[in-house]
């Protein structure tokens, strides 16, 4: 029995078998949750990529407009 647990591959197979036997009812829910999380992450990354160039152009225009006004306004 000790030789069976010496090999890391056999330990991995035993852990995989135990997980499939005892965790089978939870696997579909976990896969569904993972898929939903990946879709949300993908949509957020796409949204950030789409928003970034627009924000950069607005900030460049804002800086140019501010510089053309001739300085800063004194604080009250």
PDB file of N, CA and C in Angstrom:
ATOM      1  N   UNK A   1       0.819  -1.198   0.000  1.00  0.00           N
ATOM      2  CA  UNK A   1       0.000   0.000   0.000  1.00  0.00           C
ATOM      3  C   UNK A   1       0.858   1.256   0.000  1.00  0.00           C
ATOM      4  N   UNK A   2       2.007   1.215   0.635  1.00  0.00           N
ATOM      5  CA  UNK A   2       2.873   2.387   0.701  1.00  0.00           C
ATOM      6  C   UNK A   2       3.411   2.741  -0.677  1.00  0.00           C
ATOM      7  N   UNK A   3       3.648   1.759  -1.530  1.00  0.00           N
ATOM      8  CA  UNK A   3       4.168   2.045  -2.874  1.00  0.00           C
ATOM      9  C   UNK A   3       3.109   2.708  -3.751  1.00  0.00           C
ATOM     10  N   UNK A   4       1.868   2.442  -3.479  1.00  0.00           N
ATOM     11  CA  UNK A   4       0.792   3.054  -4.256  1.00  0.00           C
ATOM     12  C   UNK A   4       0.773   4.571  -4.058  1.00  0.00           C
ATOM     13  N   UNK A   5       1.066   5.027  -2.844  1.00  0.00           N
ATOM     14  CA  UNK A   5       1.008   6.456  -2.542  1.00  0.00           C
ATOM     15  C   UNK A   5       2.333   7.175  -2.769  1.00  0.00           C
ATOM     16  N   UNK A   6       3.387   6.446  -3.154  1.00  0.00           N
ATOM     17  CA  UNK A   6       4.681   7.078  -3.421  1.00  0.00           C
ATOM     18  C   UNK A   6       4.675   7.859  -4.737  1.00  0.00           C
ATOM     19  N   UNK A   7       3.923   7.390  -5.691  1.00  0.00           N
ATOM     20  CA  UNK A   7       3.898   8.003  -7.019  1.00  0.00           C
ATOM     21  C   UNK A   7       2.893   9.165  -7.033  1.00  0.00           C
ATOM     22  N   UNK A   8       3.303  10.362  -7.411  1.00  0.00           N
ATOM     23  CA  UNK A   8       2.370  11.498  -7.433  1.00  0.00           C
ATOM     24  C   UNK A   8       1.225  11.311  -8.437  1.00  0.00           C
ATOM     25  N   UNK A   9       1.484  10.583  -9.519  1.00  0.00           N
ATOM     26  CA  UNK A   9       0.436  10.364 -10.525  1.00  0.00           C
ATOM     27  C   UNK A   9      -0.686   9.500  -9.951  1.00  0.00           C
ATOM     28  N   UNK A  10      -0.326   8.479  -9.185  1.00  0.00           N
ATOM     29  CA  UNK A  10      -1.362   7.628  -8.587  1.00  0.00           C
ATOM     30  C   UNK A  10      -2.168   8.412  -7.553  1.00  0.00           C
ATOM     31  N   UNK A  11      -1.509   9.297  -6.811  1.00  0.00           N
ATOM     32  CA  UNK A  11      -2.229  10.149  -5.851  1.00  0.00           C
ATOM     33  C   UNK A  11      -3.228  11.042  -6.584  1.00  0.00           C
ATOM     34  N   UNK A  12      -2.799  11.581  -7.707  1.00  0.00           N
ATOM     35  CA  UNK A  12      -3.668  12.439  -8.500  1.00  0.00           C
ATOM     36  C   UNK A  12      -4.874  11.671  -9.018  1.00  0.00           C
ATOM     37  N   UNK A  13      -4.659  10.446  -9.496  1.00  0.00           N
ATOM     38  CA  UNK A  13      -5.763   9.635  -9.986  1.00  0.00           C
ATOM     39  C   UNK A  13      -6.739   9.283  -8.866  1.00  0.00           C
ATOM     40  N   UNK A  14      -6.223   8.974  -7.691  1.00  0.00           N
ATOM     41  CA  UNK A  14      -7.090   8.658  -6.555  1.00  0.00           C
ATOM     42  C   UNK A  14      -7.914   9.884  -6.170  1.00  0.00           C
ATOM     43  N   UNK A  15      -7.276  11.043  -6.103  1.00  0.00           N
ATOM     44  CA  UNK A  15      -8.011  12.273  -5.764  1.00  0.00           C
ATOM     45  C   UNK A  15      -9.066  12.610  -6.818  1.00  0.00           C
ATOM     46  N   UNK A  16      -8.749  12.387  -8.082  1.00  0.00           N
ATOM     47  CA  UNK A  16      -9.707  12.633  -9.163  1.00  0.00           C
ATOM     48  C   UNK A  16     -10.906  11.692  -9.042  1.00  0.00           C
ATOM     49  N   UNK A  17     -10.645  10.410  -8.756  1.00  0.00           N
ATOM     50  CA  UNK A  17     -11.734   9.439  -8.606  1.00  0.00           C
ATOM     51  C   UNK A  17     -12.624   9.797  -7.417  1.00  0.00           C
ATOM     52  N   UNK A  18     -12.027  10.203  -6.300  1.00  0.00           N
ATOM     53  CA  UNK A  18     -12.811  10.582  -5.126  1.00  0.00           C
ATOM     54  C   UNK A  18     -13.650  11.814  -5.427  1.00  0.00           C
ATOM     55  N   UNK A  19     -13.069  12.772  -6.135  1.00  0.00           N
ATOM     56  CA  UNK A  19     -13.804  13.986  -6.467  1.00  0.00           C
ATOM     57  C   UNK A  19     -14.985  13.673  -7.383  1.00  0.00           C
ATOM     58  N   UNK A  20     -14.777  12.791  -8.349  1.00  0.00           N
ATOM     59  CA  UNK A  20     -15.867  12.450  -9.259  1.00  0.00           C
ATOM     60  C   UNK A  20     -16.962  11.652  -8.564  1.00  0.00           C
ATOM     61  N   UNK A  21     -16.569  10.776  -7.653  1.00  0.00           N
ATOM     62  CA  UNK A  21     -17.564   9.972  -6.948  1.00  0.00           C
ATOM     63  C   UNK A  21     -18.399  10.792  -5.973  1.00  0.00           C
ATOM     64  N   UNK A  22     -17.763  11.613  -5.191  1.00  0.00           N
ATOM     65  CA  UNK A  22     -18.459  12.331  -4.144  1.00  0.00           C
ATOM     66  C   UNK A  22     -18.875  13.744  -4.539  1.00  0.00           C
ATOM     67  N   UNK A  23     -18.287  14.269  -5.577  1.00  0.00           N
ATOM     68  CA  UNK A  23     -18.601  15.633  -5.974  1.00  0.00           C
ATOM     69  C   UNK A  23     -19.382  15.723  -7.267  1.00  0.00           C
ATOM     70  N   UNK A  24     -19.836  14.594  -7.805  1.00  0.00           N
ATOM     71  CA  UNK A  24     -20.530  14.577  -9.094  1.00  0.00           C
ATOM     72  C   UNK A  24     -21.780  15.459  -9.121  1.00  0.00           C
ATOM     73  N   UNK A  25     -22.610  15.470  -8.092  1.00  0.00           N
ATOM     74  CA  UNK A  25     -23.805  16.338  -8.160  1.00  0.00           C
ATOM     75  C   UNK A  25     -23.463  17.828  -8.210  1.00  0.00           C
ATOM     76  N   UNK A  26     -22.327  18.205  -7.702  1.00  0.00           N
ATOM     77  CA  UNK A  26     -21.972  19.623  -7.665  1.00  0.00           C
ATOM     78  C   UNK A  26     -21.222  20.082  -8.912  1.00  0.00           C
ATOM     79  N   UNK A  27     -20.706  19.164  -9.708  1.00  0.00           N
ATOM     80  CA  UNK A  27     -19.903  19.541 -10.875  1.00  0.00           C
ATOM     81  C   UNK A  27     -20.676  20.364 -11.911  1.00  0.00           C
ATOM     82  N   UNK A  28     -21.919  20.025 -12.279  1.00  0.00           N
ATOM     83  CA  UNK A  28     -22.630  20.871 -13.262  1.00  0.00           C
ATOM     84  C   UNK A  28     -22.837  22.302 -12.769  1.00  0.00           C
ATOM     85  N   UNK A  29     -23.151  22.452 -11.499  1.00  0.00           N
ATOM     86  CA  UNK A  29     -23.334  23.802 -10.957  1.00  0.00           C
ATOM     87  C   UNK A  29     -22.043  24.587 -10.966  1.00  0.00           C
ATOM     88  N   UNK A  30     -20.940  23.907 -10.658  1.00  0.00           N
ATOM     89  CA  UNK A  30     -19.633  24.579 -10.676  1.00  0.00           C
ATOM     90  C   UNK A  30     -19.263  24.984 -12.095  1.00  0.00           C
ATOM     91  N   UNK A  31     -19.528  24.102 -13.073  1.00  0.00           N
ATOM     92  CA  UNK A  31     -19.211  24.416 -14.468  1.00  0.00           C
ATOM     93  C   UNK A  31     -20.067  25.577 -14.966  1.00  0.00           C
ATOM     94  N   UNK A  32     -21.339  25.588 -14.587  1.00  0.00           N
ATOM     95  CA  UNK A  32     -22.236  26.678 -14.981  1.00  0.00           C
ATOM     96  C   UNK A  32     -21.764  28.005 -14.395  1.00  0.00           C
ATOM     97  N   UNK A  33     -21.370  27.968 -13.138  1.00  0.00           N
ATOM     98  CA  UNK A  33     -20.885  29.169 -12.464  1.00  0.00           C
ATOM     99  C   UNK A  33     -19.598  29.674 -13.112  1.00  0.00           C
ATOM    100  N   UNK A  34     -18.703  28.755 -13.449  1.00  0.00           N
ATOM    101  CA  UNK A  34     -17.449  29.137 -14.103  1.00  0.00           C
ATOM    102  C   UNK A  34     -17.720  29.763 -15.469  1.00  0.00           C
ATOM    103  N   UNK A  35     -18.638  29.168 -16.231  1.00  0.00           N
ATOM    104  CA  UNK A  35     -18.984  29.714 -17.547  1.00  0.00           C
ATOM    105  C   UNK A  35     -19.583  31.104 -17.451  1.00  0.00           C
ATOM    106  N   UNK A  36     -20.449  31.308 -16.468  1.00  0.00           N
ATOM    107  CA  UNK A  36     -21.059  32.621 -16.279  1.00  0.00           C
ATOM    108  C   UNK A  36     -20.007  33.654 -15.887  1.00  0.00           C
ATOM    109  N   UNK A  37     -19.097  33.262 -15.017  1.00  0.00           N
ATOM    110  CA  UNK A  37     -18.030  34.180 -14.607  1.00  0.00           C
ATOM    111  C   UNK A  37     -17.138  34.547 -15.787  1.00  0.00           C
ATOM    112  N   UNK A  38     -16.835  33.580 -16.637  1.00  0.00           N
ATOM    113  CA  UNK A  38     -16.004  33.857 -17.815  1.00  0.00           C
ATOM    114  C   UNK A  38     -16.712  34.798 -18.782  1.00  0.00           C
ATOM    115  N   UNK A  39     -18.033  34.623 -18.960  1.00  0.00           N
ATOM    116  CA  UNK A  39     -18.782  35.537 -19.842  1.00  0.00           C
ATOM    117  C   UNK A  39     -18.780  36.959 -19.295  1.00  0.00           C
ATOM    118  N   UNK A  40     -18.958  37.097 -17.997  1.00  0.00           N
ATOM    119  CA  UNK A  40     -18.949  38.424 -17.378  1.00  0.00           C
ATOM    120  C   UNK A  40     -17.578  39.070 -17.534  1.00  0.00           C
ATOM    121  N   UNK A  41     -16.532  38.303 -17.277  1.00  0.00           N
ATOM    122  CA  UNK A  41     -15.169  38.822 -17.405  1.00  0.00           C
ATOM    123  C   UNK A  41     -14.893  39.258 -18.841  1.00  0.00           C
ATOM    124  N   UNK A  42     -15.303  38.451 -19.798  1.00  0.00           N
ATOM    125  CA  UNK A  42     -15.075  38.785 -21.209  1.00  0.00           C
ATOM    126  C   UNK A  42     -15.809  40.064 -21.598  1.00  0.00           C
ATOM    127  N   UNK A  43     -17.058  40.211 -21.136  1.00  0.00           N
ATOM    128  CA  UNK A  43     -17.810  41.418 -21.488  1.00  0.00           C
ATOM    129  C   UNK A  43     -17.202  42.654 -20.832  1.00  0.00           C
ATOM    130  N   UNK A  44     -16.717  42.523 -19.604  1.00  0.00           N
ATOM    131  CA  UNK A  44     -16.088  43.660 -18.932  1.00  0.00           C
ATOM    132  C   UNK A  44     -14.792  44.067 -19.616  1.00  0.00           C
ATOM    133  N   UNK A  45     -13.990  43.093 -20.021  1.00  0.00           N
ATOM    134  CA  UNK A  45     -12.733  43.403 -20.707  1.00  0.00           C
ATOM    135  C   UNK A  45     -13.016  44.073 -22.039  1.00  0.00           C
ATOM    136  N   UNK A  46     -14.016  43.578 -22.755  1.00  0.00           N
ATOM    137  CA  UNK A  46     -14.383  44.189 -24.038  1.00  0.00           C
ATOM    138  C   UNK A  46     -14.858  45.621 -23.828  1.00  0.00           C
ATOM    139  N   UNK A  47     -15.651  45.823 -22.787  1.00  0.00           N
ATOM    140  CA  UNK A  47     -16.142  47.168 -22.488  1.00  0.00           C
ATOM    141  C   UNK A  47     -14.999  48.113 -22.131  1.00  0.00           C
ATOM    142  N   UNK A  48     -14.036  47.630 -21.370  1.00  0.00           N
ATOM    143  CA  UNK A  48     -12.883  48.465 -21.018  1.00  0.00           C
ATOM    144  C   UNK A  48     -12.059  48.820 -22.248  1.00  0.00           C
ATOM    145  N   UNK A  49     -11.886  47.855 -23.157  1.00  0.00           N
ATOM    146  CA  UNK A  49     -11.124  48.127 -24.380  1.00  0.00           C
ATOM    147  C   UNK A  49     -11.844  49.155 -25.243  1.00  0.00           C
ATOM    148  N   UNK A  50     -13.176  49.070 -25.296  1.00  0.00           N
ATOM    149  CA  UNK A  50     -13.950  50.015 -26.100  1.00  0.00           C
ATOM    150  C   UNK A  50     -13.954  51.404 -25.481  1.00  0.00           C
ATOM    151  N   UNK A  51     -14.004  51.491 -24.159  1.00  0.00           N
ATOM    152  CA  UNK A  51     -14.055  52.781 -23.478  1.00  0.00           C
ATOM    153  C   UNK A  51     -12.705  53.471 -23.425  1.00  0.00           C
ATOM    154  N   UNK A  52     -11.630  52.748 -23.392  1.00  0.00           N
ATOM    155  CA  UNK A  52     -10.302  53.329 -23.193  1.00  0.00           C
ATOM    156  C   UNK A  52      -9.921  54.336 -24.277  1.00  0.00           C
ATOM    157  N   UNK A  53     -10.043  54.027 -25.576  1.00  0.00           N
ATOM    158  CA  UNK A  53      -9.670  55.031 -26.586  1.00  0.00           C
ATOM    159  C   UNK A  53     -10.535  56.285 -26.506  1.00  0.00           C
ATOM    160  N   UNK A  54     -11.806  56.143 -26.193  1.00  0.00           N
ATOM    161  CA  UNK A  54     -12.679  57.314 -26.109  1.00  0.00           C
ATOM    162  C   UNK A  54     -12.263  58.194 -24.937  1.00  0.00           C
ATOM    163  N   UNK A  55     -11.925  57.600 -23.812  1.00  0.00           N
ATOM    164  CA  UNK A  55     -11.494  58.373 -22.656  1.00  0.00           C
ATOM    165  C   UNK A  55     -10.178  59.073 -22.946  1.00  0.00           C
ATOM    166  N   UNK A  56      -9.280  58.422 -23.653  1.00  0.00           N
ATOM    167  CA  UNK A  56      -8.002  59.025 -23.981  1.00  0.00           C
ATOM    168  C   UNK A  56      -8.202  60.250 -24.869  1.00  0.00           C
ATOM    169  N   UNK A  57      -9.071  60.151 -25.875  1.00  0.00           N
ATOM    170  CA  UNK A  57      -9.320  61.276 -26.765  1.00  0.00           C
ATOM    171  C   UNK A  57      -9.976  62.432 -26.012  1.00  0.00           C
ATOM    172  N   UNK A  58     -10.908  62.106 -25.093  1.00  0.00           N
ATOM    173  CA  UNK A  58     -11.562  63.159 -24.327  1.00  0.00           C
ATOM    174  C   UNK A  58     -10.572  63.855 -23.402  1.00  0.00           C
ATOM    175  N   UNK A  59      -9.673  63.079 -22.791  1.00  0.00           N
ATOM    176  CA  UNK A  59      -8.710  63.694 -21.880  1.00  0.00           C
ATOM    177  C   UNK A  59      -7.714  64.557 -22.646  1.00  0.00           C
ATOM    178  N   UNK A  60      -7.358  64.160 -23.852  1.00  0.00           N
ATOM    179  CA  UNK A  60      -6.445  64.973 -24.669  1.00  0.00           C
ATOM    180  C   UNK A  60      -7.150  66.273 -25.062  1.00  0.00           C
ATOM    181  N   UNK A  61      -8.418  66.177 -25.454  1.00  0.00           N
ATOM    182  CA  UNK A  61      -9.164  67.374 -25.827  1.00  0.00           C
ATOM    183  C   UNK A  61      -9.351  68.271 -24.617  1.00  0.00           C
ATOM    184  N   UNK A  62      -9.621  67.670 -23.461  1.00  0.00           N
ATOM    185  CA  UNK A  62      -9.804  68.440 -22.236  1.00  0.00           C
ATOM    186  C   UNK A  62      -8.540  69.168 -21.845  1.00  0.00           C
ATOM    187  N   UNK A  63      -7.394  68.530 -21.985  1.00  0.00           N
ATOM    188  CA  UNK A  63      -6.120  69.179 -21.651  1.00  0.00           C
ATOM    189  C   UNK A  63      -5.832  70.311 -22.626  1.00  0.00           C
ATOM    190  N   UNK A  64      -6.107  70.093 -23.889  1.00  0.00           N
ATOM    191  CA  UNK A  64      -5.847  71.127 -24.881  1.00  0.00           C
ATOM    192  C   UNK A  64      -6.740  72.332 -24.638  1.00  0.00           C
ATOM    193  N   UNK A  65      -7.992  72.094 -24.309  1.00  0.00           N
ATOM    194  CA  UNK A  65      -8.919  73.197 -24.062  1.00  0.00           C
ATOM    195  C   UNK A  65      -8.499  73.956 -22.815  1.00  0.00           C
ATOM    196  N   UNK A  66      -8.043  73.251 -21.805  1.00  0.00           N
ATOM    197  CA  UNK A  66      -7.612  73.885 -20.566  1.00  0.00           C
ATOM    198  C   UNK A  66      -6.352  74.715 -20.801  1.00  0.00           C
ATOM    199  N   UNK A  67      -5.437  74.212 -21.605  1.00  0.00           N
ATOM    200  CA  UNK A  67      -4.195  74.943 -21.868  1.00  0.00           C
ATOM    201  C   UNK A  67      -4.460  76.185 -22.699  1.00  0.00           C
ATOM    202  N   UNK A  68      -5.473  76.142 -23.566  1.00  0.00           N
ATOM    203  CA  UNK A  68      -5.774  77.280 -24.420  1.00  0.00           C
ATOM    204  C   UNK A  68      -6.482  78.402 -23.673  1.00  0.00           C
ATOM    205  N   UNK A  69      -6.974  78.151 -22.467  1.00  0.00           N
ATOM    206  CA  UNK A  69      -7.664  79.182 -21.719  1.00  0.00           C
ATOM    207  C   UNK A  69      -6.722  80.172 -21.066  1.00  0.00           C
ATOM    208  N   UNK A  70      -5.458  79.878 -21.018  1.00  0.00           N
ATOM    209  CA  UNK A  70      -4.496  80.844 -20.531  1.00  0.00           C
ATOM    210  C   UNK A  70      -4.177  80.738 -19.057  1.00  0.00           C
ATOM    211  N   UNK A  71      -4.000  79.560 -18.544  1.00  0.00           N
ATOM    212  CA  UNK A  71      -3.562  79.438 -17.155  1.00  0.00           C
ATOM    213  C   UNK A  71      -4.629  78.870 -16.239  1.00  0.00           C
ATOM    214  N   UNK A  72      -4.317  78.970 -14.953  1.00  0.00           N
ATOM    215  CA  UNK A  72      -5.228  78.410 -13.979  1.00  0.00           C
ATOM    216  C   UNK A  72      -6.020  79.498 -13.295  1.00  0.00           C
ATOM    217  N   UNK A  73      -7.107  79.137 -12.740  1.00  0.00           N
ATOM    218  CA  UNK A  73      -7.971  80.061 -12.039  1.00  0.00           C
ATOM    219  C   UNK A  73      -7.607  80.057 -10.565  1.00  0.00           C
ATOM    220  N   UNK A  74      -7.524  81.212  -9.911  1.00  0.00           N
ATOM    221  CA  UNK A  74      -7.189  81.215  -8.483  1.00  0.00           C
ATOM    222  C   UNK A  74      -8.317  80.587  -7.671  1.00  0.00           C
ATOM    223  N   UNK A  75      -7.914  79.892  -6.627  1.00  0.00           N
ATOM    224  CA  UNK A  75      -8.891  79.230  -5.757  1.00  0.00           C
ATOM    225  C   UNK A  75      -9.524  80.247  -4.820  1.00  0.00           C
ATOM    226  N   UNK A  76     -10.792  80.066  -4.583  1.00  0.00           N
ATOM    227  CA  UNK A  76     -11.522  80.984  -3.682  1.00  0.00           C
ATOM    228  C   UNK A  76     -11.548  80.435  -2.285  1.00  0.00           C
TER     229      UNK A  76
END
